[in-house]
């Protein structure tokens, strides 16, 4: 694996499917759905292809349970890669210049996803704490072309 690939994947990715609103640097608004999320970037599925280097503003309403959503989290980013899959496009983007507040909200959501943070009044069980697949390489676990 190249040094660039290692740097690009320095944070654990979490599979999560939530709606996203994307605004390109040209002002185009796109509907998207997340595929995975990490502290440094995101993978989106959208109906439009995007060029590498394009700047994006991504808005996510983070879901913390059945009816618990955050205010939209706005994350400045840029397109790293884009691949067509059928009629859709899979877009990998890296976050740019997160504020401490944005980083804090993102970190809290990732802790919710990994089971180390539960909504108020919900206990994290020992089984949930042990249900961690970190021993599986992210390249294998998140490969969309593996069955």
C-alpha atoms as a PDB file:
ATOM      1  CA  UNK A   1       0.000   0.000   0.000  1.00  0.00           C
ATOM      2  CA  UNK A   2       1.380   3.410  -0.893  1.00  0.00           C
ATOM      3  CA  UNK A   3       2.196   6.026   1.729  1.00  0.00           C
ATOM      4  CA  UNK A   4      -0.651   8.191   0.351  1.00  0.00           C
ATOM      5  CA  UNK A   5      -3.146   5.308   0.794  1.00  0.00           C
ATOM      6  CA  UNK A   6      -1.972   4.753   4.361  1.00  0.00           C
ATOM      7  CA  UNK A   7      -2.366   8.457   5.161  1.00  0.00           C
ATOM      8  CA  UNK A   8      -5.787   8.593   3.509  1.00  0.00           C
ATOM      9  CA  UNK A   9      -7.024   5.785   5.767  1.00  0.00           C
ATOM     10  CA  UNK A  10      -5.477   6.790   9.070  1.00  0.00           C
ATOM     11  CA  UNK A  11      -8.915   6.858  10.734  1.00  0.00           C
ATOM     12  CA  UNK A  12     -11.335   3.988  11.145  1.00  0.00           C
ATOM     13  CA  UNK A  13     -14.313   4.154   8.802  1.00  0.00           C
ATOM     14  CA  UNK A  14     -17.858   3.408   9.930  1.00  0.00           C
ATOM     15  CA  UNK A  15     -20.592   2.161   7.629  1.00  0.00           C
ATOM     16  CA  UNK A  16     -23.530   4.534   8.067  1.00  0.00           C
ATOM     17  CA  UNK A  17     -26.371   5.446   5.725  1.00  0.00           C
ATOM     18  CA  UNK A  18     -27.866   8.877   6.326  1.00  0.00           C
ATOM     19  CA  UNK A  19     -29.145  11.565   3.989  1.00  0.00           C
ATOM     20  CA  UNK A  20     -26.724  14.303   3.028  1.00  0.00           C
ATOM     21  CA  UNK A  21     -27.110  17.597   1.216  1.00  0.00           C
ATOM     22  CA  UNK A  22     -24.144  18.537  -0.926  1.00  0.00           C
ATOM     23  CA  UNK A  23     -23.373  21.961  -2.365  1.00  0.00           C
ATOM     24  CA  UNK A  24     -20.551  22.139  -4.892  1.00  0.00           C
ATOM     25  CA  UNK A  25     -18.133  25.033  -5.205  1.00  0.00           C
ATOM     26  CA  UNK A  26     -20.176  26.121  -8.252  1.00  0.00           C
ATOM     27  CA  UNK A  27     -23.339  26.336  -6.123  1.00  0.00           C
ATOM     28  CA  UNK A  28     -24.975  23.150  -7.457  1.00  0.00           C
ATOM     29  CA  UNK A  29     -27.073  21.358  -4.839  1.00  0.00           C
ATOM     30  CA  UNK A  30     -27.081  17.562  -4.848  1.00  0.00           C
ATOM     31  CA  UNK A  31     -28.936  14.975  -2.808  1.00  0.00           C
ATOM     32  CA  UNK A  32     -26.703  12.193  -1.517  1.00  0.00           C
ATOM     33  CA  UNK A  33     -26.598   9.324   0.942  1.00  0.00           C
ATOM     34  CA  UNK A  34     -23.579   8.448   3.037  1.00  0.00           C
ATOM     35  CA  UNK A  35     -21.900   5.073   2.660  1.00  0.00           C
ATOM     36  CA  UNK A  36     -19.233   5.458   5.308  1.00  0.00           C
ATOM     37  CA  UNK A  37     -17.740   8.116   7.534  1.00  0.00           C
ATOM     38  CA  UNK A  38     -14.496   8.688   9.410  1.00  0.00           C
ATOM     39  CA  UNK A  39     -12.839  11.554  11.284  1.00  0.00           C
ATOM     40  CA  UNK A  40     -11.126  12.695   8.118  1.00  0.00           C
ATOM     41  CA  UNK A  41     -13.551  11.944   5.303  1.00  0.00           C
ATOM     42  CA  UNK A  42     -16.725  10.507   3.886  1.00  0.00           C
ATOM     43  CA  UNK A  43     -17.983   8.292   1.085  1.00  0.00           C
ATOM     44  CA  UNK A  44     -21.224   9.431  -0.564  1.00  0.00           C
ATOM     45  CA  UNK A  45     -23.567   7.942  -3.130  1.00  0.00           C
ATOM     46  CA  UNK A  46     -25.062  10.540  -5.461  1.00  0.00           C
ATOM     47  CA  UNK A  47     -26.669  10.768  -8.876  1.00  0.00           C
ATOM     48  CA  UNK A  48     -24.007  13.128 -10.210  1.00  0.00           C
ATOM     49  CA  UNK A  49     -20.330  12.580 -10.900  1.00  0.00           C
ATOM     50  CA  UNK A  50     -17.844  15.025  -9.399  1.00  0.00           C
ATOM     51  CA  UNK A  51     -14.284  15.852 -10.423  1.00  0.00           C
ATOM     52  CA  UNK A  52     -11.312  15.279  -8.153  1.00  0.00           C
ATOM     53  CA  UNK A  53     -10.422  18.447  -6.273  1.00  0.00           C
ATOM     54  CA  UNK A  54     -13.965  19.904  -6.454  1.00  0.00           C
ATOM     55  CA  UNK A  55     -14.861  21.684  -3.209  1.00  0.00           C
ATOM     56  CA  UNK A  56     -18.003  20.587  -1.401  1.00  0.00           C
ATOM     57  CA  UNK A  57     -20.076  21.691   1.553  1.00  0.00           C
ATOM     58  CA  UNK A  58     -21.701  18.581   3.006  1.00  0.00           C
ATOM     59  CA  UNK A  59     -24.626  18.871   5.433  1.00  0.00           C
ATOM     60  CA  UNK A  60     -25.433  15.879   7.631  1.00  0.00           C
ATOM     61  CA  UNK A  61     -28.254  15.531  10.144  1.00  0.00           C
ATOM     62  CA  UNK A  62     -26.674  13.003  12.500  1.00  0.00           C
ATOM     63  CA  UNK A  63     -29.045  10.341  13.823  1.00  0.00           C
ATOM     64  CA  UNK A  64     -28.556   9.298  17.450  1.00  0.00           C
ATOM     65  CA  UNK A  65     -31.429   6.829  17.585  1.00  0.00           C
ATOM     66  CA  UNK A  66     -35.038   6.430  16.550  1.00  0.00           C
ATOM     67  CA  UNK A  67     -36.133  10.081  16.789  1.00  0.00           C
ATOM     68  CA  UNK A  68     -32.953  11.846  17.887  1.00  0.00           C
ATOM     69  CA  UNK A  69     -31.232  13.995  15.249  1.00  0.00           C
ATOM     70  CA  UNK A  70     -28.627  16.730  15.487  1.00  0.00           C
ATOM     71  CA  UNK A  71     -28.805  20.124  13.891  1.00  0.00           C
ATOM     72  CA  UNK A  72     -27.213  19.828  10.443  1.00  0.00           C
ATOM     73  CA  UNK A  73     -23.446  19.442  10.691  1.00  0.00           C
ATOM     74  CA  UNK A  74     -21.815  21.399   7.846  1.00  0.00           C
ATOM     75  CA  UNK A  75     -18.452  20.032   6.720  1.00  0.00           C
ATOM     76  CA  UNK A  76     -16.215  21.695   4.128  1.00  0.00           C
ATOM     77  CA  UNK A  77     -14.469  19.068   2.005  1.00  0.00           C
ATOM     78  CA  UNK A  78     -12.944  18.274  -1.367  1.00  0.00           C
ATOM     79  CA  UNK A  79     -13.445  15.347  -3.752  1.00  0.00           C
ATOM     80  CA  UNK A  80     -10.609  12.828  -3.677  1.00  0.00           C
ATOM     81  CA  UNK A  81     -12.119  10.289  -6.079  1.00  0.00           C
ATOM     82  CA  UNK A  82     -15.363   9.483  -7.905  1.00  0.00           C
ATOM     83  CA  UNK A  83     -16.455   6.149  -9.395  1.00  0.00           C
ATOM     84  CA  UNK A  84     -19.578   5.387 -11.397  1.00  0.00           C
ATOM     85  CA  UNK A  85     -21.607   2.424 -10.121  1.00  0.00           C
ATOM     86  CA  UNK A  86     -24.594   1.716 -12.365  1.00  0.00           C
ATOM     87  CA  UNK A  87     -26.662   4.893 -12.593  1.00  0.00           C
ATOM     88  CA  UNK A  88     -25.071   6.396  -9.458  1.00  0.00           C
ATOM     89  CA  UNK A  89     -21.670   7.671  -8.409  1.00  0.00           C
ATOM     90  CA  UNK A  90     -19.629   6.833  -5.323  1.00  0.00           C
ATOM     91  CA  UNK A  91     -17.681   9.889  -4.171  1.00  0.00           C
ATOM     92  CA  UNK A  92     -14.819   9.911  -1.671  1.00  0.00           C
ATOM     93  CA  UNK A  93     -14.229  13.290  -0.027  1.00  0.00           C
ATOM     94  CA  UNK A  94     -11.757  14.496   2.593  1.00  0.00           C
ATOM     95  CA  UNK A  95     -12.760  17.082   5.182  1.00  0.00           C
ATOM     96  CA  UNK A  96     -10.964  20.424   5.125  1.00  0.00           C
ATOM     97  CA  UNK A  97     -10.204  22.609   8.141  1.00  0.00           C
ATOM     98  CA  UNK A  98     -12.725  21.311  10.661  1.00  0.00           C
ATOM     99  CA  UNK A  99     -13.348  23.656  13.574  1.00  0.00           C
ATOM    100  CA  UNK A 100     -12.998  22.303  17.107  1.00  0.00           C
ATOM    101  CA  UNK A 101     -16.805  22.304  17.367  1.00  0.00           C
ATOM    102  CA  UNK A 102     -17.265  20.366  14.099  1.00  0.00           C
ATOM    103  CA  UNK A 103     -14.561  17.906  15.116  1.00  0.00           C
ATOM    104  CA  UNK A 104     -16.239  17.449  18.509  1.00  0.00           C
ATOM    105  CA  UNK A 105     -19.658  16.709  17.004  1.00  0.00           C
ATOM    106  CA  UNK A 106     -18.143  14.336  14.455  1.00  0.00           C
ATOM    107  CA  UNK A 107     -16.151  12.548  17.171  1.00  0.00           C
ATOM    108  CA  UNK A 108     -19.288  12.220  19.339  1.00  0.00           C
ATOM    109  CA  UNK A 109     -21.232  10.701  16.424  1.00  0.00           C
ATOM    110  CA  UNK A 110     -18.429   8.233  15.682  1.00  0.00           C
ATOM    111  CA  UNK A 111     -18.430   7.163  19.347  1.00  0.00           C
ATOM    112  CA  UNK A 112     -22.182   6.617  19.022  1.00  0.00           C
ATOM    113  CA  UNK A 113     -21.575   4.483  15.916  1.00  0.00           C
ATOM    114  CA  UNK A 114     -18.879   2.368  17.583  1.00  0.00           C
ATOM    115  CA  UNK A 115     -21.121   1.779  20.604  1.00  0.00           C
ATOM    116  CA  UNK A 116     -18.998   3.626  23.173  1.00  0.00           C
ATOM    117  CA  UNK A 117     -21.589   6.405  23.501  1.00  0.00           C
ATOM    118  CA  UNK A 118     -25.289   5.753  23.941  1.00  0.00           C
ATOM    119  CA  UNK A 119     -28.191   8.226  23.971  1.00  0.00           C
ATOM    120  CA  UNK A 120     -29.192   9.445  27.427  1.00  0.00           C
ATOM    121  CA  UNK A 121     -31.012   6.712  29.330  1.00  0.00           C
ATOM    122  CA  UNK A 122     -29.711   3.851  27.156  1.00  0.00           C
ATOM    123  CA  UNK A 123     -27.096   1.530  28.599  1.00  0.00           C
ATOM    124  CA  UNK A 124     -24.276   0.164  26.448  1.00  0.00           C
ATOM    125  CA  UNK A 125     -24.184  -3.588  27.036  1.00  0.00           C
ATOM    126  CA  UNK A 126     -21.009  -5.606  27.357  1.00  0.00           C
ATOM    127  CA  UNK A 127     -21.937  -7.470  24.148  1.00  0.00           C
ATOM    128  CA  UNK A 128     -22.162  -4.166  22.255  1.00  0.00           C
ATOM    129  CA  UNK A 129     -18.770  -3.097  23.602  1.00  0.00           C
ATOM    130  CA  UNK A 130     -17.222  -6.400  22.456  1.00  0.00           C
ATOM    131  CA  UNK A 131     -18.920  -6.298  19.025  1.00  0.00           C
ATOM    132  CA  UNK A 132     -16.025  -4.540  17.299  1.00  0.00           C
ATOM    133  CA  UNK A 133     -14.582  -5.569  13.941  1.00  0.00           C
ATOM    134  CA  UNK A 134     -11.333  -3.587  14.157  1.00  0.00           C
ATOM    135  CA  UNK A 135      -9.399  -6.795  13.435  1.00  0.00           C
ATOM    136  CA  UNK A 136     -10.860  -6.737   9.895  1.00  0.00           C
ATOM    137  CA  UNK A 137      -8.867  -4.532   7.552  1.00  0.00           C
ATOM    138  CA  UNK A 138     -10.871  -1.455   6.450  1.00  0.00           C
ATOM    139  CA  UNK A 139      -9.843  -2.269   2.875  1.00  0.00           C
ATOM    140  CA  UNK A 140     -11.613  -5.633   3.142  1.00  0.00           C
ATOM    141  CA  UNK A 141     -14.540  -4.599   5.326  1.00  0.00           C
ATOM    142  CA  UNK A 142     -15.473  -1.540   3.258  1.00  0.00           C
ATOM    143  CA  UNK A 143     -14.741  -2.882  -0.223  1.00  0.00           C
ATOM    144  CA  UNK A 144     -18.007  -2.340  -2.133  1.00  0.00           C
ATOM    145  CA  UNK A 145     -17.072  -5.024  -4.663  1.00  0.00           C
ATOM    146  CA  UNK A 146     -16.515  -7.881  -2.168  1.00  0.00           C
ATOM    147  CA  UNK A 147     -19.434 -10.083  -1.214  1.00  0.00           C
END
